[in-house]
Amino acid sequence: MGARRRYRSNINVEHVREKIDIIGLVLVEGFHLLALFAIGAVVVWAAVMTFISMFDKSHASIEDVLLLFIYLELGAMVGIYFKTSRMPVRFLI
């Protein structure tokens, strides 16, 4: 009788662990998507603010243009990571 209860108890513990693992994976995936959208939104916001400041100055300096290229690269990285879940890292040196 004791062995049967112990076996049944192990099944219940394993079942609970499986459910907790599923909940944990859903929460991590949700946080992952939320963080990607937040990072993407910040990159877009920063690029728009830089573009607006160029119009306010009525000229674009090389720093502004290079900064826009950096924002473009960051946006592409977020997009690629969103689609493939792999971080595209390039070593330019």
N, C-alpha and C. Protein backbone atom coordinates (compact mmCIF):
# COMPACT_ATOMS: atom_id res chain seq x y z
N MET A 1 0.82 -1.19 0.00
CA MET A 1 0.00 0.00 0.00
C MET A 1 0.87 1.25 0.00
N GLY A 2 1.97 1.25 0.79
CA GLY A 2 2.84 2.41 0.87
C GLY A 2 3.54 2.68 -0.45
N ALA A 3 3.93 1.63 -1.16
CA ALA A 3 4.61 1.80 -2.45
C ALA A 3 3.66 2.41 -3.48
N ARG A 4 2.40 2.03 -3.41
CA ARG A 4 1.43 2.56 -4.35
C ARG A 4 1.22 4.06 -4.12
N ARG A 5 1.14 4.47 -2.87
CA ARG A 5 0.99 5.90 -2.56
C ARG A 5 2.21 6.70 -3.00
N ARG A 6 3.38 6.13 -2.76
CA ARG A 6 4.61 6.82 -3.15
C ARG A 6 4.66 6.98 -4.68
N TYR A 7 4.28 5.94 -5.42
CA TYR A 7 4.27 6.01 -6.88
C TYR A 7 3.25 7.06 -7.35
N ARG A 8 2.08 7.05 -6.73
CA ARG A 8 1.05 8.02 -7.08
C ARG A 8 1.50 9.43 -6.74
N SER A 9 2.19 9.59 -5.65
CA SER A 9 2.71 10.90 -5.24
C SER A 9 3.74 11.40 -6.24
N ASN A 10 4.62 10.51 -6.73
CA ASN A 10 5.61 10.90 -7.73
C ASN A 10 4.95 11.36 -9.03
N ILE A 11 3.88 10.69 -9.41
CA ILE A 11 3.17 11.09 -10.62
C ILE A 11 2.58 12.48 -10.45
N ASN A 12 2.00 12.75 -9.30
CA ASN A 12 1.42 14.07 -9.05
C ASN A 12 2.49 15.15 -9.05
N VAL A 13 3.64 14.87 -8.46
CA VAL A 13 4.72 15.85 -8.43
C VAL A 13 5.22 16.12 -9.84
N GLU A 14 5.38 15.08 -10.64
CA GLU A 14 5.83 15.27 -12.02
C GLU A 14 4.80 16.05 -12.83
N HIS A 15 3.53 15.78 -12.60
CA HIS A 15 2.47 16.50 -13.31
C HIS A 15 2.48 17.99 -12.93
N VAL A 16 2.67 18.27 -11.66
CA VAL A 16 2.73 19.67 -11.21
C VAL A 16 3.96 20.35 -11.79
N ARG A 17 5.09 19.66 -11.82
CA ARG A 17 6.31 20.25 -12.39
C ARG A 17 6.13 20.55 -13.88
N GLU A 18 5.47 19.65 -14.61
CA GLU A 18 5.22 19.90 -16.03
C GLU A 18 4.36 21.15 -16.22
N LYS A 19 3.32 21.29 -15.40
CA LYS A 19 2.45 22.47 -15.49
C LYS A 19 3.22 23.74 -15.15
N ILE A 20 4.06 23.70 -14.13
CA ILE A 20 4.86 24.86 -13.75
C ILE A 20 5.85 25.21 -14.85
N ASP A 21 6.46 24.21 -15.46
CA ASP A 21 7.38 24.46 -16.58
C ASP A 21 6.66 25.14 -17.74
N ILE A 22 5.46 24.69 -18.05
CA ILE A 22 4.69 25.30 -19.14
C ILE A 22 4.37 26.75 -18.82
N ILE A 23 3.93 27.01 -17.59
CA ILE A 23 3.62 28.39 -17.18
C ILE A 23 4.88 29.24 -17.23
N GLY A 24 5.99 28.71 -16.77
CA GLY A 24 7.25 29.45 -16.81
C GLY A 24 7.68 29.78 -18.23
N LEU A 25 7.55 28.82 -19.14
CA LEU A 25 7.90 29.07 -20.54
C LEU A 25 7.02 30.14 -21.16
N VAL A 26 5.73 30.12 -20.85
CA VAL A 26 4.81 31.13 -21.38
C VAL A 26 5.17 32.51 -20.84
N LEU A 27 5.48 32.60 -19.55
CA LEU A 27 5.86 33.89 -18.97
C LEU A 27 7.16 34.42 -19.55
N VAL A 28 8.13 33.55 -19.73
CA VAL A 28 9.41 33.98 -20.30
C VAL A 28 9.22 34.43 -21.75
N GLU A 29 8.44 33.69 -22.51
CA GLU A 29 8.18 34.07 -23.91
C GLU A 29 7.43 35.40 -23.98
N GLY A 30 6.47 35.59 -23.08
CA GLY A 30 5.75 36.86 -23.04
C GLY A 30 6.66 38.03 -22.72
N PHE A 31 7.53 37.84 -21.73
CA PHE A 31 8.49 38.89 -21.39
C PHE A 31 9.43 39.16 -22.55
N HIS A 32 9.85 38.10 -23.23
CA HIS A 32 10.75 38.21 -24.37
C HIS A 32 10.11 39.08 -25.47
N LEU A 33 8.86 38.79 -25.80
CA LEU A 33 8.17 39.58 -26.83
C LEU A 33 7.95 41.02 -26.38
N LEU A 34 7.57 41.20 -25.13
CA LEU A 34 7.37 42.56 -24.61
C LEU A 34 8.66 43.36 -24.65
N ALA A 35 9.76 42.75 -24.28
CA ALA A 35 11.05 43.44 -24.31
C ALA A 35 11.47 43.78 -25.74
N LEU A 36 11.23 42.87 -26.69
CA LEU A 36 11.56 43.15 -28.08
C LEU A 36 10.75 44.32 -28.62
N PHE A 37 9.45 44.35 -28.32
CA PHE A 37 8.62 45.47 -28.76
C PHE A 37 9.07 46.77 -28.11
N ALA A 38 9.44 46.72 -26.83
CA ALA A 38 9.90 47.93 -26.15
C ALA A 38 11.20 48.44 -26.76
N ILE A 39 12.14 47.55 -27.01
CA ILE A 39 13.41 47.97 -27.61
C ILE A 39 13.18 48.52 -29.01
N GLY A 40 12.34 47.85 -29.79
CA GLY A 40 12.02 48.34 -31.13
C GLY A 40 11.36 49.71 -31.10
N ALA A 41 10.45 49.91 -30.15
CA ALA A 41 9.78 51.21 -30.03
C ALA A 41 10.76 52.31 -29.65
N VAL A 42 11.68 52.01 -28.75
CA VAL A 42 12.68 53.01 -28.33
C VAL A 42 13.59 53.37 -29.50
N VAL A 43 13.98 52.38 -30.29
CA VAL A 43 14.84 52.65 -31.45
C VAL A 43 14.11 53.53 -32.45
N VAL A 44 12.85 53.22 -32.73
CA VAL A 44 12.06 54.04 -33.66
C VAL A 44 11.89 55.45 -33.11
N TRP A 45 11.58 55.56 -31.83
CA TRP A 45 11.40 56.88 -31.21
C TRP A 45 12.69 57.70 -31.30
N ALA A 46 13.82 57.09 -31.00
CA ALA A 46 15.10 57.81 -31.06
C ALA A 46 15.42 58.23 -32.49
N ALA A 47 15.14 57.38 -33.47
CA ALA A 47 15.40 57.73 -34.86
C ALA A 47 14.50 58.88 -35.31
N VAL A 48 13.25 58.85 -34.92
CA VAL A 48 12.33 59.94 -35.27
C VAL A 48 12.78 61.25 -34.63
N MET A 49 13.19 61.20 -33.36
CA MET A 49 13.64 62.42 -32.68
C MET A 49 14.91 62.98 -33.34
N THR A 50 15.81 62.11 -33.76
CA THR A 50 17.01 62.57 -34.47
C THR A 50 16.64 63.20 -35.80
N PHE A 51 15.70 62.58 -36.50
CA PHE A 51 15.25 63.12 -37.79
C PHE A 51 14.59 64.49 -37.61
N ILE A 52 13.77 64.63 -36.57
CA ILE A 52 13.12 65.91 -36.29
C ILE A 52 14.16 66.97 -35.94
N SER A 53 15.16 66.60 -35.16
CA SER A 53 16.19 67.58 -34.79
C SER A 53 16.99 68.03 -36.02
N MET A 54 17.14 67.16 -37.01
CA MET A 54 17.82 67.57 -38.25
C MET A 54 16.99 68.62 -38.98
N PHE A 55 15.67 68.47 -38.98
CA PHE A 55 14.83 69.47 -39.62
C PHE A 55 14.83 70.78 -38.83
N ASP A 56 14.89 70.69 -37.51
CA ASP A 56 14.95 71.91 -36.70
C ASP A 56 16.22 72.69 -36.97
N LYS A 57 17.33 71.98 -37.16
CA LYS A 57 18.61 72.65 -37.45
C LYS A 57 18.70 73.10 -38.90
N SER A 58 17.83 72.59 -39.74
CA SER A 58 17.79 72.84 -41.19
C SER A 58 19.05 72.37 -41.92
N HIS A 59 19.81 71.51 -41.29
CA HIS A 59 20.93 70.85 -41.97
C HIS A 59 21.24 69.55 -41.23
N ALA A 60 21.91 68.65 -41.92
CA ALA A 60 22.28 67.37 -41.32
C ALA A 60 23.79 67.27 -41.26
N SER A 61 24.29 66.99 -40.09
CA SER A 61 25.73 66.79 -39.94
C SER A 61 26.05 65.32 -40.15
N ILE A 62 27.32 65.03 -40.27
CA ILE A 62 27.74 63.63 -40.46
C ILE A 62 27.36 62.79 -39.24
N GLU A 63 27.37 63.40 -38.06
CA GLU A 63 26.97 62.67 -36.85
C GLU A 63 25.52 62.23 -36.93
N ASP A 64 24.66 63.12 -37.45
CA ASP A 64 23.24 62.78 -37.57
C ASP A 64 23.04 61.62 -38.54
N VAL A 65 23.72 61.67 -39.66
CA VAL A 65 23.58 60.61 -40.66
C VAL A 65 24.10 59.27 -40.12
N LEU A 66 25.24 59.31 -39.47
CA LEU A 66 25.79 58.08 -38.90
C LEU A 66 24.88 57.53 -37.80
N LEU A 67 24.30 58.43 -37.01
CA LEU A 67 23.38 58.00 -35.96
C LEU A 67 22.15 57.33 -36.57
N LEU A 68 21.66 57.86 -37.67
CA LEU A 68 20.52 57.22 -38.34
C LEU A 68 20.88 55.83 -38.86
N PHE A 69 22.10 55.66 -39.35
CA PHE A 69 22.53 54.33 -39.79
C PHE A 69 22.63 53.36 -38.60
N ILE A 70 23.06 53.87 -37.46
CA ILE A 70 23.11 53.02 -36.26
C ILE A 70 21.70 52.60 -35.87
N TYR A 71 20.76 53.54 -35.89
CA TYR A 71 19.37 53.20 -35.57
C TYR A 71 18.81 52.19 -36.57
N LEU A 72 19.17 52.34 -37.84
CA LEU A 72 18.73 51.39 -38.85
C LEU A 72 19.26 49.99 -38.55
N GLU A 73 20.52 49.91 -38.18
CA GLU A 73 21.12 48.61 -37.84
C GLU A 73 20.48 48.01 -36.59
N LEU A 74 20.22 48.83 -35.59
CA LEU A 74 19.56 48.33 -34.38
C LEU A 74 18.15 47.83 -34.69
N GLY A 75 17.42 48.57 -35.52
CA GLY A 75 16.09 48.12 -35.91
C GLY A 75 16.13 46.81 -36.67
N ALA A 76 17.10 46.66 -37.55
CA ALA A 76 17.25 45.40 -38.29
C ALA A 76 17.60 44.26 -37.34
N MET A 77 18.44 44.53 -36.36
CA MET A 77 18.79 43.48 -35.39
C MET A 77 17.57 43.04 -34.60
N VAL A 78 16.74 43.99 -34.18
CA VAL A 78 15.52 43.63 -33.44
C VAL A 78 14.60 42.81 -34.34
N GLY A 79 14.46 43.22 -35.60
CA GLY A 79 13.60 42.48 -36.52
C GLY A 79 14.08 41.07 -36.78
N ILE A 80 15.38 40.92 -36.98
CA ILE A 80 15.94 39.58 -37.22
C ILE A 80 15.81 38.72 -35.97
N TYR A 81 16.07 39.31 -34.81
CA TYR A 81 15.94 38.54 -33.57
C TYR A 81 14.49 38.15 -33.31
N PHE A 82 13.56 39.03 -33.68
CA PHE A 82 12.14 38.72 -33.51
C PHE A 82 11.73 37.55 -34.38
N LYS A 83 12.25 37.48 -35.61
CA LYS A 83 11.86 36.42 -36.53
C LYS A 83 12.59 35.10 -36.28
N THR A 84 13.87 35.17 -35.90
CA THR A 84 14.67 33.94 -35.82
C THR A 84 15.09 33.55 -34.41
N SER A 85 14.93 34.43 -33.44
CA SER A 85 15.40 34.23 -32.06
C SER A 85 16.91 34.04 -31.99
N ARG A 86 17.62 34.58 -32.97
CA ARG A 86 19.09 34.56 -32.96
C ARG A 86 19.58 35.98 -33.10
N MET A 87 20.59 36.32 -32.33
CA MET A 87 21.14 37.67 -32.35
C MET A 87 22.14 37.80 -33.50
N PRO A 88 21.83 38.66 -34.48
CA PRO A 88 22.77 38.86 -35.58
C PRO A 88 23.89 39.81 -35.16
N VAL A 89 25.06 39.29 -34.94
CA VAL A 89 26.19 40.12 -34.51
C VAL A 89 27.20 40.13 -35.64
N ARG A 90 27.62 41.32 -36.01
CA ARG A 90 28.62 41.47 -37.06
C ARG A 90 29.83 42.17 -36.46
N PHE A 91 30.98 41.66 -36.77
CA PHE A 91 32.22 42.28 -36.32
C PHE A 91 32.78 43.09 -37.48
N LEU A 92 32.73 44.40 -37.36
CA LEU A 92 33.12 45.27 -38.46
C LEU A 92 34.62 45.50 -38.53
N ILE A 93 35.34 45.17 -37.49
CA ILE A 93 36.79 45.42 -37.48
C ILE A 93 37.51 44.25 -38.10
